[in-house]
Structure formats: structure tokens, C-alpha cells
Amino acid sequence: MPASEFSVERSEVLRYLGYRGQELGPELEGLLDEMSQRCLESARPRYVWRVFPLTAESGQPELGGTGIVLRGRDIQKHLDRGVACAVMAATLGLEPEREMLRIGRRSTTGEIVFNAACTALIESVADVCEGEIRAYAKGRGFAAGYRYSPGYGDFPLEQQTEILGAVEAGTRLGITLTDSLLMVPKKSVSALIGLYPAGEGIRRGGSTCETCENYEHCEFRKEGFGCGG
């Protein structure tokens, strides 16, 4: 799917850059436009998703037919009373990383802005994928919850391997994992979305930042945002 189908929202790029209302100036304005365009030109956005029935024979939610038991209290709360679970994965491909290296050789500032633009773009791709899942759920009389990923709260990052495997993200998207379980390409996203009977209410997550067991070490919080974005 061409990157032109998605968007790099300037407000999101600025958010990832830590913008707090400062005056941008013409040079930075131009850099934002240039790096956003280079991000769109280099990216090869793709995504996959699949819906699994939810069971709980072990007391923890399980993706029916896969043998995958989702571990942790937070994901259990997040999917409480869910009847199914959508597993999704999305990526921009490897070319943006190569482009970032080229940019970084000439301009550290350009590299930082380009990285923020790519982060905004992968979120846009994930939003489009989530929109398809919501339409699927609505067409079947369900309500869709919110994205929740391995590494959020006490949902183990180690389950990333199983989650990506459930949608064949390796063969279909080219996503692999490093020894430390980071996704390659780096601008990739995986997540679960619960499907609930209409009227049950939507779970946004199993914990808040303040009550999360991973509060002190959370990389999301260090970047200025939490599990819910």
C-alpha cells in the first residue's frame, strides 16, 4: 500500500519532538516539511491483522486455536469479558532506516526530525489497520477496544514472538526480532484489540502509569507518553 494513503500529521511530529508551543521559525518549518516528505517517499507501509476467539481455560486469556496464553494481570483486565481478540502488526519497511542513516551523516537535527516523522507515520498506519478492525467488529455487532502491546504494563515483552507469529508477520511483513526482542524494521507496531459484546463497555488498559509495575523503567513514559499514546 503506497505511503500516500497515510499521513504524517505535523502535530504528531511535533509531539514526538517534545514541542511545547515554542516558535518554530522558517528553518525548522522547512525541515519539518522536507523530512515528512522524505519519510513518505522512503516508507513502504504494510499491515496485517487476524481475529481469534478468546478462551480462558487456564484463567488467563487465550487466543483460540493457537495455544497462546496471554500472560499478566494487565492484559487479563484489558480483555476482561472480551469474546474475541484481533492481533495486528504494521511496519514501514527497512528503507526509512537506510534513509535516516543518510540524513544523519549530514544533519543530526534532520535525523531527529525524520525519526519523529516516521514515528508519526507508523502510528497513522496502525490507526488505519485499527479502523479496519473496528469496522469488522461493528459489522458483527461487537465493540472494539483499544490497542495494547507486549511490553505495556506487566504484559511480557517476551510474548512478542508469539504475537507476531499469530499473524505470520515475519513472512508477510518481513518483521523479525532482535535478541532483546526489539522489532526490525524499527518502525513497526504489534498490538492486540479486544472485541466485546456491544454495551459491555471498553477497556482502555489494565493499569494507569502511576499504578503500573513497570513505571520506573517504562520506555514509553520516558518518551513523554504512555501505553494509551
Protein backbone atom coordinates (compact mmCIF):
# COMPACT_ATOMS: atom_id res chain seq x y z
CA MET A 1 0.00 0.00 0.00
CA PRO A 2 1.58 3.35 -1.00
CA ALA A 3 2.59 5.75 1.77
CA SER A 4 0.41 8.41 0.15
CA GLU A 5 -2.58 6.51 1.56
CA PHE A 6 -1.42 7.52 5.03
CA SER A 7 -0.43 10.81 6.62
CA VAL A 8 2.35 12.42 8.61
CA GLU A 9 0.46 14.81 10.87
CA ARG A 10 2.61 17.80 11.80
CA SER A 11 1.04 17.99 15.25
CA GLU A 12 2.11 14.40 15.89
CA VAL A 13 5.65 15.01 14.62
CA LEU A 14 5.93 18.00 16.95
CA ARG A 15 4.59 15.94 19.84
CA TYR A 16 7.29 13.33 19.33
CA LEU A 17 9.84 16.14 19.17
CA GLY A 18 8.69 17.39 22.57
CA TYR A 19 7.14 20.59 21.18
CA ARG A 20 5.59 22.78 23.87
CA GLY A 21 4.38 25.78 21.88
CA GLN A 22 7.76 27.27 21.02
CA GLU A 23 8.07 29.42 17.92
CA LEU A 24 9.31 27.20 15.11
CA GLY A 25 10.91 29.65 12.72
CA PRO A 26 11.17 29.30 8.92
CA GLU A 27 14.20 26.96 9.00
CA LEU A 28 12.53 24.40 11.24
CA GLU A 29 9.24 24.79 9.35
CA GLY A 30 11.06 23.90 6.15
CA LEU A 31 12.86 20.98 7.80
CA LEU A 32 9.56 19.57 9.07
CA ASP A 33 8.12 19.66 5.56
CA GLU A 34 11.24 18.16 3.98
CA MET A 35 11.67 15.32 6.46
CA SER A 36 7.97 14.46 6.41
CA GLN A 37 8.09 14.20 2.63
CA ARG A 38 11.27 12.09 2.68
CA CYS A 39 9.62 9.81 5.22
CA LEU A 40 6.62 9.32 2.94
CA GLU A 41 8.83 8.70 -0.08
CA SER A 42 11.02 6.10 1.59
CA ALA A 43 8.37 4.20 3.56
CA ARG A 44 6.66 1.03 2.34
CA PRO A 45 3.73 0.79 4.78
CA ARG A 46 2.06 -2.57 5.20
CA TYR A 47 -0.07 -4.23 7.86
CA VAL A 48 -1.84 -7.48 8.68
CA TRP A 49 -4.46 -8.46 11.21
CA ARG A 50 -6.42 -11.50 12.25
CA VAL A 51 -9.21 -12.16 14.74
CA PHE A 52 -9.13 -15.05 17.19
CA PRO A 53 -11.81 -16.24 19.62
CA LEU A 54 -10.92 -15.69 23.26
CA THR A 55 -10.97 -18.51 25.78
CA ALA A 56 -9.79 -18.60 29.39
CA GLU A 57 -9.41 -22.25 30.35
CA SER A 58 -6.21 -21.51 32.24
CA GLY A 59 -7.61 -18.42 33.96
CA GLN A 60 -5.69 -16.17 31.57
CA PRO A 61 -7.00 -15.09 28.14
CA GLU A 62 -6.01 -17.43 25.32
CA LEU A 63 -6.10 -16.90 21.57
CA GLY A 64 -8.31 -19.74 20.42
CA GLY A 65 -6.72 -22.31 18.17
CA THR A 66 -3.16 -21.05 18.70
CA GLY A 67 -2.18 -22.31 22.14
CA ILE A 68 -1.08 -18.76 23.00
CA VAL A 69 -1.87 -17.85 26.62
CA LEU A 70 -1.62 -14.10 27.23
CA ARG A 71 0.22 -13.56 30.50
CA GLY A 72 -0.07 -10.78 33.05
CA ARG A 73 -2.78 -9.15 35.11
CA ASP A 74 -2.98 -6.07 32.90
CA ILE A 75 -3.81 -7.90 29.67
CA GLN A 76 -6.27 -10.04 31.62
CA LYS A 77 -8.05 -6.89 32.81
CA HIS A 78 -7.79 -5.31 29.38
CA LEU A 79 -9.55 -8.24 27.70
CA ASP A 80 -12.00 -8.93 30.54
CA ARG A 81 -15.38 -10.04 29.13
CA GLY A 82 -14.00 -9.97 25.61
CA VAL A 83 -15.29 -12.60 23.19
CA ALA A 84 -12.54 -12.28 20.58
CA CYS A 85 -9.20 -10.58 20.08
CA ALA A 86 -7.71 -9.00 16.98
CA VAL A 87 -3.94 -9.33 16.58
CA MET A 88 -2.33 -6.74 14.33
CA ALA A 89 1.12 -5.84 13.06
CA ALA A 90 2.29 -2.94 10.90
CA THR A 91 5.61 -1.71 9.53
CA LEU A 92 7.20 0.98 7.35
CA GLY A 93 9.82 -1.41 5.98
CA LEU A 94 13.60 -1.07 6.12
CA GLU A 95 14.14 1.79 3.68
CA PRO A 96 13.31 4.59 6.20
CA GLU A 97 16.16 3.29 8.38
CA ARG A 98 18.58 3.49 5.47
CA GLU A 99 17.30 6.98 4.67
CA MET A 100 17.77 8.01 8.31
CA LEU A 101 21.42 6.95 8.16
CA ARG A 102 21.92 9.03 5.03
CA ILE A 103 20.29 12.05 6.63
CA GLY A 104 22.24 11.60 9.87
CA ARG A 105 25.56 11.82 8.05
CA ARG A 106 24.70 15.39 7.07
CA SER A 107 22.41 16.69 9.79
CA THR A 108 21.75 15.48 13.33
CA THR A 109 18.71 17.76 13.53
CA GLY A 110 17.39 16.40 10.25
CA GLU A 111 17.83 12.85 11.56
CA ILE A 112 15.85 13.67 14.72
CA VAL A 113 13.01 15.28 12.76
CA PHE A 114 12.95 12.43 10.22
CA ASN A 115 12.73 9.90 13.04
CA ALA A 116 9.78 11.77 14.56
CA ALA A 117 8.07 11.90 11.16
CA CYS A 118 8.48 8.15 10.74
CA THR A 119 7.06 7.55 14.21
CA ALA A 120 4.03 9.65 13.27
CA LEU A 121 3.65 7.70 10.03
CA ILE A 122 3.75 4.23 11.61
CA GLU A 123 1.10 5.41 14.08
CA SER A 124 -1.00 6.53 11.11
CA VAL A 125 -0.61 3.10 9.52
CA ALA A 126 -1.58 1.42 12.80
CA ASP A 127 -4.62 3.70 13.04
CA VAL A 128 -5.77 2.65 9.57
CA CYS A 129 -5.34 -1.00 10.50
CA GLU A 130 -7.25 -0.43 13.73
CA GLY A 131 -10.00 1.27 11.74
CA GLU A 132 -10.45 -1.88 9.65
CA ILE A 133 -10.69 -3.95 12.81
CA ARG A 134 -13.30 -1.57 14.25
CA ALA A 135 -15.35 -1.80 11.06
CA TYR A 136 -15.10 -5.60 11.18
CA ALA A 137 -16.27 -5.59 14.81
CA LYS A 138 -19.14 -3.20 14.18
CA GLY A 139 -20.36 -5.25 11.22
CA ARG A 140 -20.68 -8.25 13.53
CA GLY A 141 -22.36 -6.48 16.42
CA PHE A 142 -19.27 -6.09 18.59
CA ALA A 143 -17.45 -3.11 20.06
CA ALA A 144 -13.68 -2.87 19.61
CA GLY A 145 -11.36 -1.87 22.43
CA TYR A 146 -8.00 -0.15 22.23
CA ARG A 147 -4.55 -1.26 21.13
CA TYR A 148 -2.46 -2.98 23.75
CA SER A 149 1.04 -4.27 23.02
CA PRO A 150 3.57 -6.63 24.56
CA GLY A 151 5.68 -4.60 26.98
CA TYR A 152 2.76 -2.48 28.21
CA GLY A 153 2.22 -2.81 31.95
CA ASP A 154 3.07 -6.36 33.04
CA PHE A 155 2.20 -7.89 29.64
CA PRO A 156 5.56 -9.59 28.92
CA LEU A 157 7.60 -8.32 26.02
CA GLU A 158 8.72 -11.94 25.64
CA GLN A 159 5.29 -12.70 24.13
CA GLN A 160 6.18 -10.55 21.14
CA THR A 161 7.41 -13.68 19.35
CA GLU A 162 4.05 -15.41 19.75
CA ILE A 163 2.03 -12.33 18.85
CA LEU A 164 3.94 -11.73 15.61
CA GLY A 165 3.77 -15.42 14.81
CA ALA A 166 -0.01 -15.44 15.15
CA VAL A 167 -0.32 -13.16 12.10
CA GLU A 168 2.76 -14.51 10.28
CA ALA A 169 4.34 -11.06 10.47
CA GLY A 170 7.73 -12.50 9.54
CA THR A 171 6.72 -13.93 6.19
CA ARG A 172 4.01 -11.40 5.38
CA LEU A 173 5.68 -8.18 6.53
CA GLY A 174 9.33 -9.08 6.97
CA ILE A 175 9.27 -8.24 10.69
CA THR A 176 11.89 -10.03 12.79
CA LEU A 177 13.06 -9.70 16.38
CA THR A 178 16.50 -8.99 17.82
CA ASP A 179 17.86 -10.97 20.77
CA SER A 180 16.48 -8.21 23.01
CA LEU A 181 13.03 -8.61 21.36
CA LEU A 182 13.10 -5.28 19.52
CA MET A 183 11.33 -5.34 16.17
CA VAL A 184 13.17 -4.99 12.88
CA PRO A 185 12.32 -2.82 10.98
CA LYS A 186 12.33 -0.48 13.96
CA LYS A 187 9.28 1.44 12.76
CA SER A 188 6.94 -1.47 13.36
CA VAL A 189 3.99 -1.96 15.68
CA SER A 190 2.23 -5.00 17.09
CA ALA A 191 -0.89 -4.89 19.23
CA LEU A 192 -3.98 -6.67 20.48
CA ILE A 193 -7.51 -5.24 20.31
CA GLY A 194 -10.30 -6.84 22.29
CA LEU A 195 -13.76 -7.35 20.80
CA TYR A 196 -16.65 -7.10 23.25
CA PRO A 197 -20.42 -7.54 23.10
CA ALA A 198 -21.99 -4.16 22.36
CA GLY A 199 -22.87 -2.39 25.60
CA GLU A 200 -20.22 -4.12 27.71
CA GLY A 201 -18.01 -1.04 27.84
CA ILE A 202 -14.49 -0.67 26.53
CA ARG A 203 -11.30 -1.47 28.39
CA ARG A 204 -8.56 1.03 27.78
CA GLY A 205 -5.86 -0.80 29.65
CA GLY A 206 -5.08 -2.80 32.72
CA SER A 207 -3.34 -0.05 34.68
CA THR A 208 -2.53 3.62 34.76
CA CYS A 209 1.03 4.94 34.61
CA GLU A 210 1.03 5.59 38.36
CA THR A 211 -0.09 2.06 39.28
CA CYS A 212 1.86 0.19 36.59
CA GLU A 213 4.53 -2.22 37.88
CA ASN A 214 6.82 -1.08 35.06
CA TYR A 215 6.54 2.64 35.95
CA GLU A 216 10.19 3.21 36.86
CA HIS A 217 11.57 1.55 33.72
CA CYS A 218 8.90 2.33 31.11
CA GLU A 219 10.44 3.50 27.83
CA PHE A 220 7.08 4.91 26.68
CA ARG A 221 6.83 7.19 29.74
CA LYS A 222 10.44 8.36 29.25
CA GLU A 223 9.46 9.50 25.75
CA GLY A 224 6.60 11.57 27.16
CA PHE A 225 3.61 9.34 26.51
CA GLY A 226 2.11 6.16 27.94
CA CYS A 227 0.59 2.91 26.84
CA GLY A 228 -2.51 4.68 25.58
CA GLY A 229 -0.43 7.07 23.45
